[in-house]
Amino acid sequence: MGAVLDTPVAVRRAAMDLLARREHGRVELTRKLRQRGAPDELIAATLERLAEEGLLSEVRYLESFVASRARAGYGPMRIREELAQRGLPRPAIEQALSEAEVDWGEQLRELWQRKFAGQLPQDMREKAKQARFLGYRGFSQEQIGRLLRGASLD
């Protein structure tokens, strides 16, 4: 296993190692440090200090997560749910999604083009298959319906 996390310096070093790889939310970082054996009081103090220093930022984490998942072809509903499961507050999630410079309609169209080669469904079975896939990826039934009818997504 790794180093023992029983001092503030050790907890900070472990937190910094995790943050060096990618942005983390406070809840996620707390969970990872706890899994490594750090006591809760050291975790809380360390994360507070990192936040004060600007090294731990929920806003940056949200921006990074939304951008990453959108690039991977996920829609706003799926991203919203994943962030909520990670313990982030709904208002912050909604703000991050609204501020994200993502054209969700274009994301949907690109995903559909990649997966289904831009072929509109010929029967109800194919339509259900495409709708199920796109819904699972986090796009609304309204957007999916318009796309599959060949209507504009704007």
N, C-alpha and C. Protein backbone atom coordinates (compact mmCIF):
# COMPACT_ATOMS: atom_id res chain seq x y z
N MET A 1 0.84 -1.19 0.00
CA MET A 1 0.00 0.00 0.00
C MET A 1 0.88 1.24 0.00
N GLY A 2 0.30 2.42 -0.02
CA GLY A 2 1.03 3.68 -0.06
C GLY A 2 1.48 4.12 1.32
N ALA A 3 1.87 5.36 1.39
CA ALA A 3 2.36 5.94 2.64
C ALA A 3 1.20 6.08 3.64
N VAL A 4 1.56 6.08 4.92
CA VAL A 4 0.57 6.27 5.97
C VAL A 4 0.18 7.75 6.00
N LEU A 5 -1.13 7.99 6.01
CA LEU A 5 -1.62 9.37 5.97
C LEU A 5 -2.06 9.80 7.37
N ASP A 6 -1.10 9.97 8.26
CA ASP A 6 -1.43 10.32 9.64
C ASP A 6 -0.92 11.70 10.05
N THR A 7 -0.38 12.46 9.10
CA THR A 7 0.06 13.82 9.39
C THR A 7 -0.53 14.77 8.35
N PRO A 8 -0.66 16.03 8.70
CA PRO A 8 -1.17 16.99 7.71
C PRO A 8 -0.33 17.03 6.44
N VAL A 9 0.97 16.90 6.56
CA VAL A 9 1.86 16.94 5.40
C VAL A 9 1.58 15.74 4.48
N ALA A 10 1.41 14.56 5.07
CA ALA A 10 1.15 13.36 4.28
C ALA A 10 -0.21 13.44 3.57
N VAL A 11 -1.21 13.95 4.26
CA VAL A 11 -2.54 14.09 3.66
C VAL A 11 -2.49 15.11 2.53
N ARG A 12 -1.80 16.22 2.75
CA ARG A 12 -1.68 17.24 1.71
C ARG A 12 -0.95 16.68 0.49
N ARG A 13 0.11 15.94 0.72
CA ARG A 13 0.87 15.36 -0.39
C ARG A 13 -0.01 14.41 -1.20
N ALA A 14 -0.78 13.58 -0.52
CA ALA A 14 -1.68 12.65 -1.21
C ALA A 14 -2.74 13.42 -2.00
N ALA A 15 -3.30 14.46 -1.40
CA ALA A 15 -4.30 15.28 -2.09
C ALA A 15 -3.69 15.96 -3.32
N MET A 16 -2.50 16.49 -3.16
CA MET A 16 -1.83 17.16 -4.28
C MET A 16 -1.52 16.16 -5.41
N ASP A 17 -1.13 14.95 -5.04
CA ASP A 17 -0.88 13.93 -6.06
C ASP A 17 -2.14 13.65 -6.87
N LEU A 18 -3.27 13.56 -6.19
CA LEU A 18 -4.54 13.32 -6.88
C LEU A 18 -4.92 14.51 -7.76
N LEU A 19 -4.74 15.71 -7.23
CA LEU A 19 -5.10 16.92 -7.99
C LEU A 19 -4.15 17.15 -9.17
N ALA A 20 -2.94 16.63 -9.08
CA ALA A 20 -1.99 16.80 -10.19
C ALA A 20 -2.43 15.98 -11.40
N ARG A 21 -3.16 14.91 -11.17
CA ARG A 21 -3.62 14.06 -12.28
C ARG A 21 -4.81 14.67 -13.01
N ARG A 22 -5.76 15.22 -12.22
CA ARG A 22 -6.95 15.85 -12.79
C ARG A 22 -7.67 16.60 -11.68
N GLU A 23 -8.64 17.43 -12.09
CA GLU A 23 -9.45 18.15 -11.10
C GLU A 23 -10.32 17.15 -10.35
N HIS A 24 -10.57 17.43 -9.09
CA HIS A 24 -11.45 16.61 -8.27
C HIS A 24 -12.43 17.53 -7.54
N GLY A 25 -13.60 17.02 -7.25
CA GLY A 25 -14.53 17.71 -6.38
C GLY A 25 -14.19 17.39 -4.93
N ARG A 26 -14.68 18.20 -4.03
CA ARG A 26 -14.39 18.01 -2.61
C ARG A 26 -14.86 16.64 -2.10
N VAL A 27 -16.06 16.24 -2.47
CA VAL A 27 -16.61 14.96 -2.01
C VAL A 27 -15.76 13.80 -2.53
N GLU A 28 -15.41 13.85 -3.80
CA GLU A 28 -14.61 12.80 -4.41
C GLU A 28 -13.22 12.72 -3.79
N LEU A 29 -12.60 13.87 -3.57
CA LEU A 29 -11.27 13.90 -2.97
C LEU A 29 -11.31 13.39 -1.52
N THR A 30 -12.34 13.76 -0.80
CA THR A 30 -12.51 13.27 0.58
C THR A 30 -12.61 11.74 0.58
N ARG A 31 -13.42 11.20 -0.32
CA ARG A 31 -13.59 9.75 -0.39
C ARG A 31 -12.27 9.05 -0.70
N LYS A 32 -11.52 9.58 -1.65
CA LYS A 32 -10.25 8.95 -2.03
C LYS A 32 -9.23 9.01 -0.90
N LEU A 33 -9.17 10.15 -0.21
CA LEU A 33 -8.23 10.26 0.91
C LEU A 33 -8.63 9.34 2.06
N ARG A 34 -9.93 9.24 2.29
CA ARG A 34 -10.44 8.35 3.34
C ARG A 34 -10.08 6.89 3.01
N GLN A 35 -10.21 6.52 1.74
CA GLN A 35 -9.85 5.16 1.31
C GLN A 35 -8.37 4.87 1.54
N ARG A 36 -7.56 5.92 1.50
CA ARG A 36 -6.13 5.75 1.71
C ARG A 36 -5.76 5.79 3.20
N GLY A 37 -6.77 5.93 4.05
CA GLY A 37 -6.54 5.86 5.49
C GLY A 37 -6.36 7.17 6.22
N ALA A 38 -6.66 8.27 5.57
CA ALA A 38 -6.52 9.57 6.23
C ALA A 38 -7.70 9.81 7.16
N PRO A 39 -7.45 10.37 8.36
CA PRO A 39 -8.55 10.67 9.28
C PRO A 39 -9.35 11.89 8.80
N ASP A 40 -10.65 11.88 9.10
CA ASP A 40 -11.56 12.94 8.63
C ASP A 40 -11.13 14.34 9.01
N GLU A 41 -10.62 14.52 10.25
CA GLU A 41 -10.25 15.88 10.67
C GLU A 41 -9.06 16.41 9.87
N LEU A 42 -8.12 15.56 9.50
CA LEU A 42 -6.99 16.00 8.67
C LEU A 42 -7.45 16.28 7.24
N ILE A 43 -8.37 15.46 6.76
CA ILE A 43 -8.90 15.67 5.40
C ILE A 43 -9.59 17.02 5.32
N ALA A 44 -10.48 17.30 6.26
CA ALA A 44 -11.25 18.56 6.24
C ALA A 44 -10.31 19.76 6.27
N ALA A 45 -9.34 19.73 7.16
CA ALA A 45 -8.41 20.87 7.28
C ALA A 45 -7.58 21.03 6.01
N THR A 46 -7.12 19.92 5.46
CA THR A 46 -6.30 19.97 4.24
C THR A 46 -7.10 20.51 3.07
N LEU A 47 -8.31 20.01 2.89
CA LEU A 47 -9.12 20.46 1.75
C LEU A 47 -9.51 21.93 1.89
N GLU A 48 -9.76 22.37 3.11
CA GLU A 48 -10.06 23.78 3.33
C GLU A 48 -8.88 24.65 2.91
N ARG A 49 -7.70 24.23 3.30
CA ARG A 49 -6.50 24.99 2.96
C ARG A 49 -6.26 24.98 1.45
N LEU A 50 -6.42 23.84 0.81
CA LEU A 50 -6.24 23.75 -0.64
C LEU A 50 -7.25 24.64 -1.37
N ALA A 51 -8.47 24.70 -0.88
CA ALA A 51 -9.49 25.56 -1.49
C ALA A 51 -9.11 27.03 -1.32
N GLU A 52 -8.64 27.40 -0.13
CA GLU A 52 -8.21 28.79 0.11
C GLU A 52 -7.06 29.17 -0.82
N GLU A 53 -6.18 28.24 -1.09
CA GLU A 53 -5.03 28.49 -1.96
C GLU A 53 -5.40 28.43 -3.45
N GLY A 54 -6.64 28.05 -3.74
CA GLY A 54 -7.07 27.97 -5.13
C GLY A 54 -6.65 26.69 -5.83
N LEU A 55 -6.14 25.73 -5.09
CA LEU A 55 -5.70 24.47 -5.69
C LEU A 55 -6.83 23.46 -5.82
N LEU A 56 -7.86 23.64 -5.03
CA LEU A 56 -9.06 22.80 -5.09
C LEU A 56 -10.23 23.71 -5.42
N SER A 57 -10.86 23.48 -6.57
CA SER A 57 -11.94 24.36 -7.02
C SER A 57 -13.09 23.52 -7.58
N GLU A 58 -14.24 23.63 -6.93
CA GLU A 58 -15.43 22.93 -7.43
C GLU A 58 -15.82 23.46 -8.81
N VAL A 59 -15.65 24.77 -9.02
CA VAL A 59 -16.02 25.38 -10.30
C VAL A 59 -15.16 24.80 -11.42
N ARG A 60 -13.85 24.74 -11.19
CA ARG A 60 -12.96 24.16 -12.21
C ARG A 60 -13.28 22.69 -12.44
N TYR A 61 -13.59 21.98 -11.35
CA TYR A 61 -13.94 20.57 -11.48
C TYR A 61 -15.18 20.41 -12.34
N LEU A 62 -16.20 21.21 -12.06
CA LEU A 62 -17.44 21.12 -12.83
C LEU A 62 -17.19 21.43 -14.31
N GLU A 63 -16.44 22.49 -14.59
CA GLU A 63 -16.14 22.86 -15.98
C GLU A 63 -15.40 21.73 -16.69
N SER A 64 -14.41 21.19 -16.02
CA SER A 64 -13.60 20.12 -16.59
C SER A 64 -14.44 18.87 -16.85
N PHE A 65 -15.27 18.51 -15.88
CA PHE A 65 -16.09 17.31 -16.00
C PHE A 65 -17.10 17.45 -17.13
N VAL A 66 -17.80 18.58 -17.18
CA VAL A 66 -18.81 18.81 -18.23
C VAL A 66 -18.15 18.75 -19.61
N ALA A 67 -17.03 19.44 -19.76
CA ALA A 67 -16.35 19.45 -21.06
C ALA A 67 -15.88 18.06 -21.46
N SER A 68 -15.33 17.33 -20.52
CA SER A 68 -14.83 15.98 -20.80
C SER A 68 -15.95 15.03 -21.21
N ARG A 69 -17.04 15.04 -20.46
CA ARG A 69 -18.15 14.13 -20.77
C ARG A 69 -18.85 14.54 -22.07
N ALA A 70 -18.95 15.84 -22.34
CA ALA A 70 -19.56 16.29 -23.59
C ALA A 70 -18.71 15.83 -24.78
N ARG A 71 -17.37 15.95 -24.65
CA ARG A 71 -16.49 15.47 -25.73
C ARG A 71 -16.64 13.97 -25.94
N ALA A 72 -16.96 13.25 -24.88
CA ALA A 72 -17.13 11.80 -24.98
C ALA A 72 -18.51 11.41 -25.53
N GLY A 73 -19.35 12.40 -25.84
CA GLY A 73 -20.64 12.12 -26.47
C GLY A 73 -21.80 11.97 -25.51
N TYR A 74 -21.69 12.52 -24.31
CA TYR A 74 -22.78 12.43 -23.35
C TYR A 74 -23.56 13.74 -23.32
N GLY A 75 -24.85 13.62 -23.08
CA GLY A 75 -25.74 14.76 -23.08
C GLY A 75 -25.92 15.34 -21.69
N PRO A 76 -26.62 16.46 -21.60
CA PRO A 76 -26.75 17.18 -20.34
C PRO A 76 -27.47 16.41 -19.24
N MET A 77 -28.43 15.59 -19.60
CA MET A 77 -29.16 14.84 -18.55
C MET A 77 -28.25 13.82 -17.89
N ARG A 78 -27.45 13.12 -18.66
CA ARG A 78 -26.53 12.12 -18.11
C ARG A 78 -25.44 12.80 -17.27
N ILE A 79 -24.90 13.90 -17.77
CA ILE A 79 -23.85 14.62 -17.06
C ILE A 79 -24.39 15.15 -15.74
N ARG A 80 -25.60 15.70 -15.76
CA ARG A 80 -26.24 16.23 -14.56
C ARG A 80 -26.36 15.13 -13.50
N GLU A 81 -26.79 13.96 -13.92
CA GLU A 81 -26.97 12.85 -12.98
C GLU A 81 -25.64 12.36 -12.42
N GLU A 82 -24.63 12.26 -13.27
CA GLU A 82 -23.31 11.82 -12.81
C GLU A 82 -22.74 12.79 -11.78
N LEU A 83 -22.91 14.07 -12.01
CA LEU A 83 -22.39 15.07 -11.06
C LEU A 83 -23.15 15.02 -9.75
N ALA A 84 -24.46 14.81 -9.82
CA ALA A 84 -25.26 14.72 -8.60
C ALA A 84 -24.82 13.50 -7.78
N GLN A 85 -24.52 12.40 -8.46
CA GLN A 85 -24.05 11.20 -7.77
C GLN A 85 -22.69 11.42 -7.11
N ARG A 86 -21.95 12.39 -7.60
CA ARG A 86 -20.64 12.71 -7.02
C ARG A 86 -20.76 13.73 -5.88
N GLY A 87 -21.99 14.04 -5.49
CA GLY A 87 -22.21 14.88 -4.33
C GLY A 87 -22.13 16.38 -4.56
N LEU A 88 -22.25 16.79 -5.80
CA LEU A 88 -22.19 18.23 -6.09
C LEU A 88 -23.59 18.83 -6.00
N PRO A 89 -23.68 20.08 -5.55
CA PRO A 89 -25.00 20.71 -5.39
C PRO A 89 -25.66 21.00 -6.74
N ARG A 90 -26.96 20.77 -6.81
CA ARG A 90 -27.72 20.97 -8.05
C ARG A 90 -27.55 22.36 -8.66
N PRO A 91 -27.63 23.44 -7.84
CA PRO A 91 -27.47 24.77 -8.45
C PRO A 91 -26.12 24.94 -9.15
N ALA A 92 -25.05 24.40 -8.56
CA ALA A 92 -23.72 24.50 -9.18
C ALA A 92 -23.67 23.68 -10.46
N ILE A 93 -24.33 22.53 -10.46
CA ILE A 93 -24.37 21.68 -11.65
C ILE A 93 -25.11 22.41 -12.77
N GLU A 94 -26.27 22.97 -12.44
CA GLU A 94 -27.06 23.69 -13.45
C GLU A 94 -26.28 24.86 -14.02
N GLN A 95 -25.58 25.58 -13.16
CA GLN A 95 -24.78 26.72 -13.63
C GLN A 95 -23.67 26.25 -14.57
N ALA A 96 -22.98 25.17 -14.20
CA ALA A 96 -21.90 24.65 -15.05
C ALA A 96 -22.43 24.20 -16.41
N LEU A 97 -23.59 23.55 -16.42
CA LEU A 97 -24.17 23.10 -17.69
C LEU A 97 -24.60 24.28 -18.55
N SER A 98 -25.17 25.31 -17.92
CA SER A 98 -25.62 26.46 -18.71
C SER A 98 -24.45 27.29 -19.21
N GLU A 99 -23.35 27.30 -18.47
CA GLU A 99 -22.18 28.08 -18.89
C GLU A 99 -21.26 27.32 -19.83
N ALA A 100 -21.47 26.02 -19.94
CA ALA A 100 -20.63 25.22 -20.83
C ALA A 100 -20.87 25.66 -22.26
N GLU A 101 -19.80 25.82 -22.97
CA GLU A 101 -19.92 26.26 -24.36
C GLU A 101 -20.09 25.03 -25.25
N VAL A 102 -21.22 24.36 -25.03
CA VAL A 102 -21.51 23.14 -25.78
C VAL A 102 -22.84 23.33 -26.49
N ASP A 103 -22.85 23.04 -27.76
CA ASP A 103 -24.09 23.04 -28.53
C ASP A 103 -24.65 21.63 -28.43
N TRP A 104 -25.59 21.44 -27.50
CA TRP A 104 -26.09 20.09 -27.23
C TRP A 104 -26.79 19.47 -28.44
N GLY A 105 -27.45 20.30 -29.23
CA GLY A 105 -28.08 19.79 -30.45
C GLY A 105 -27.04 19.26 -31.43
N GLU A 106 -25.94 19.98 -31.56
CA GLU A 106 -24.86 19.54 -32.44
C GLU A 106 -24.19 18.28 -31.88
N GLN A 107 -24.03 18.23 -30.55
CA GLN A 107 -23.46 17.03 -29.92
C GLN A 107 -24.33 15.82 -30.23
N LEU A 108 -25.64 15.99 -30.11
CA LEU A 108 -26.58 14.91 -30.39
C LEU A 108 -26.46 14.46 -31.84
N ARG A 109 -26.43 15.41 -32.75
CA ARG A 109 -26.36 15.08 -34.17
C ARG A 109 -25.04 14.34 -34.49
N GLU A 110 -23.93 14.80 -33.93
CA GLU A 110 -22.64 14.15 -34.18
C GLU A 110 -22.62 12.72 -33.64
N LEU A 111 -23.16 12.54 -32.44
CA LEU A 111 -23.22 11.21 -31.84
C LEU A 111 -24.06 10.28 -32.71
N TRP A 112 -25.21 10.77 -33.15
CA TRP A 112 -26.12 9.99 -33.99
C TRP A 112 -25.44 9.63 -35.31
N GLN A 113 -24.73 10.60 -35.89
CA GLN A 113 -24.01 10.35 -37.15
C GLN A 113 -22.98 9.24 -36.97
N ARG A 114 -22.20 9.32 -35.88
CA ARG A 114 -21.15 8.31 -35.62
C ARG A 114 -21.76 6.92 -35.39
N LYS A 115 -22.81 6.87 -34.59
CA LYS A 115 -23.38 5.57 -34.21
C LYS A 115 -24.27 4.96 -35.30
N PHE A 116 -25.06 5.80 -35.95
CA PHE A 116 -26.05 5.28 -36.89
C PHE A 116 -25.84 5.75 -38.33
N ALA A 117 -24.68 6.32 -38.62
CA ALA A 117 -24.32 6.78 -39.97
C ALA A 117 -25.36 7.73 -40.56
N GLY A 118 -26.06 8.45 -39.70
CA GLY A 118 -27.02 9.43 -40.18
C GLY A 118 -28.23 8.84 -40.86
N GLN A 119 -28.50 7.56 -40.61
CA GLN A 119 -29.64 6.90 -41.24
C GLN A 119 -30.88 7.04 -40.37
N LEU A 120 -31.88 7.76 -40.87
CA LEU A 120 -33.13 7.85 -40.13
C LEU A 120 -33.75 6.45 -40.03
N PRO A 121 -34.40 6.17 -38.91
CA PRO A 121 -34.98 4.83 -38.73
C PRO A 121 -36.08 4.56 -39.76
N GLN A 122 -36.10 3.31 -40.26
CA GLN A 122 -37.09 2.92 -41.28
C GLN A 122 -38.34 2.31 -40.66
N ASP A 123 -38.26 1.85 -39.42
CA ASP A 123 -39.42 1.25 -38.78
C ASP A 123 -39.39 1.57 -37.28
N MET A 124 -40.43 1.18 -36.58
CA MET A 124 -40.55 1.51 -35.15
C MET A 124 -39.45 0.83 -34.32
N ARG A 125 -39.07 -0.37 -34.71
CA ARG A 125 -38.04 -1.09 -33.97
C ARG A 125 -36.71 -0.35 -34.03
N GLU A 126 -36.33 0.10 -35.22
CA GLU A 126 -35.09 0.84 -35.39
C GLU A 126 -35.17 2.20 -34.70
N LYS A 127 -36.34 2.83 -34.77
CA LYS A 127 -36.52 4.12 -34.10
C LYS A 127 -36.36 3.95 -32.58
N ALA A 128 -36.95 2.90 -32.04
CA ALA A 128 -36.83 2.64 -30.60
C ALA A 128 -35.38 2.37 -30.22
N LYS A 129 -34.66 1.64 -31.05
CA LYS A 129 -33.25 1.34 -30.79
C LYS A 129 -32.43 2.63 -30.74
N GLN A 130 -32.60 3.48 -31.73
CA GLN A 130 -31.85 4.73 -31.78
C GLN A 130 -32.23 5.63 -30.61
N ALA A 131 -33.52 5.73 -30.32
CA ALA A 131 -33.99 6.58 -29.22
C ALA A 131 -33.45 6.08 -27.88
N ARG A 132 -33.45 4.77 -27.69
CA ARG A 132 -32.93 4.18 -26.45
C ARG A 132 -31.46 4.54 -26.25
N PHE A 133 -30.68 4.37 -27.30
CA PHE A 133 -29.24 4.67 -27.22
C PHE A 133 -29.01 6.14 -26.89
N LEU A 134 -29.68 7.02 -27.63
CA LEU A 134 -29.48 8.46 -27.43
C LEU A 134 -30.00 8.91 -26.06
N GLY A 135 -31.09 8.31 -25.60
CA GLY A 135 -31.61 8.61 -24.27
C GLY A 135 -30.64 8.17 -23.19
N TYR A 136 -30.06 6.99 -23.35
CA TYR A 136 -29.08 6.49 -22.39
C TYR A 136 -27.87 7.42 -22.32
N ARG A 137 -27.52 8.03 -23.44
CA ARG A 137 -26.39 8.95 -23.48
C ARG A 137 -26.71 10.31 -22.85
N GLY A 138 -28.00 10.55 -22.52
CA GLY A 138 -28.32 11.75 -21.76
C GLY A 138 -28.97 12.87 -22.53
N PHE A 139 -29.61 12.56 -23.63
CA PHE A 139 -30.31 13.59 -24.38
C PHE A 139 -31.81 13.45 -24.13
N SER A 140 -32.51 14.58 -24.21
CA SER A 140 -33.94 14.59 -23.89
C SER A 140 -34.75 13.90 -24.99
N GLN A 141 -35.90 13.37 -24.59
CA GLN A 141 -36.79 12.72 -25.55
C GLN A 141 -37.27 13.71 -26.60
N GLU A 142 -37.43 14.96 -26.20
CA GLU A 142 -37.85 16.00 -27.15
C GLU A 142 -36.79 16.18 -28.25
N GLN A 143 -35.52 16.32 -27.85
CA GLN A 143 -34.46 16.48 -28.84
C GLN A 143 -34.34 15.25 -29.73
N ILE A 144 -34.40 14.08 -29.12
CA ILE A 144 -34.28 12.83 -29.86
C ILE A 144 -35.42 12.70 -30.87
N GLY A 145 -36.62 13.02 -30.41
CA GLY A 145 -37.78 12.95 -31.32
C GLY A 145 -37.62 13.85 -32.52
N ARG A 146 -37.17 15.09 -32.28
CA ARG A 146 -36.98 16.02 -33.40
C ARG A 146 -35.90 15.51 -34.35
N LEU A 147 -34.81 15.00 -33.80
CA LEU A 147 -33.74 14.48 -34.64
C LEU A 147 -34.23 13.33 -35.51
N LEU A 148 -34.94 12.39 -34.90
CA LEU A 148 -35.38 11.20 -35.62
C LEU A 148 -36.53 11.48 -36.60
N ARG A 149 -37.19 12.61 -36.45
CA ARG A 149 -38.20 13.03 -37.43
C ARG A 149 -37.55 13.84 -38.55
N GLY A 150 -36.27 14.15 -38.39
CA GLY A 150 -35.58 14.94 -39.41
C GLY A 150 -35.79 16.42 -39.25
N ALA A 151 -36.32 16.83 -38.09
CA ALA A 151 -36.59 18.25 -37.86
C ALA A 151 -35.32 18.94 -37.34
N SER A 152 -35.35 20.26 -37.33
CA SER A 152 -34.24 21.05 -36.82
C SER A 152 -34.15 20.91 -35.30
N LEU A 153 -32.91 20.92 -34.78
CA LEU A 153 -32.69 20.81 -33.35
C LEU A 153 -32.58 22.17 -32.66
N ASP A 154 -32.68 23.22 -33.42
CA ASP A 154 -32.52 24.58 -32.84
C ASP A 154 -33.73 25.01 -32.05
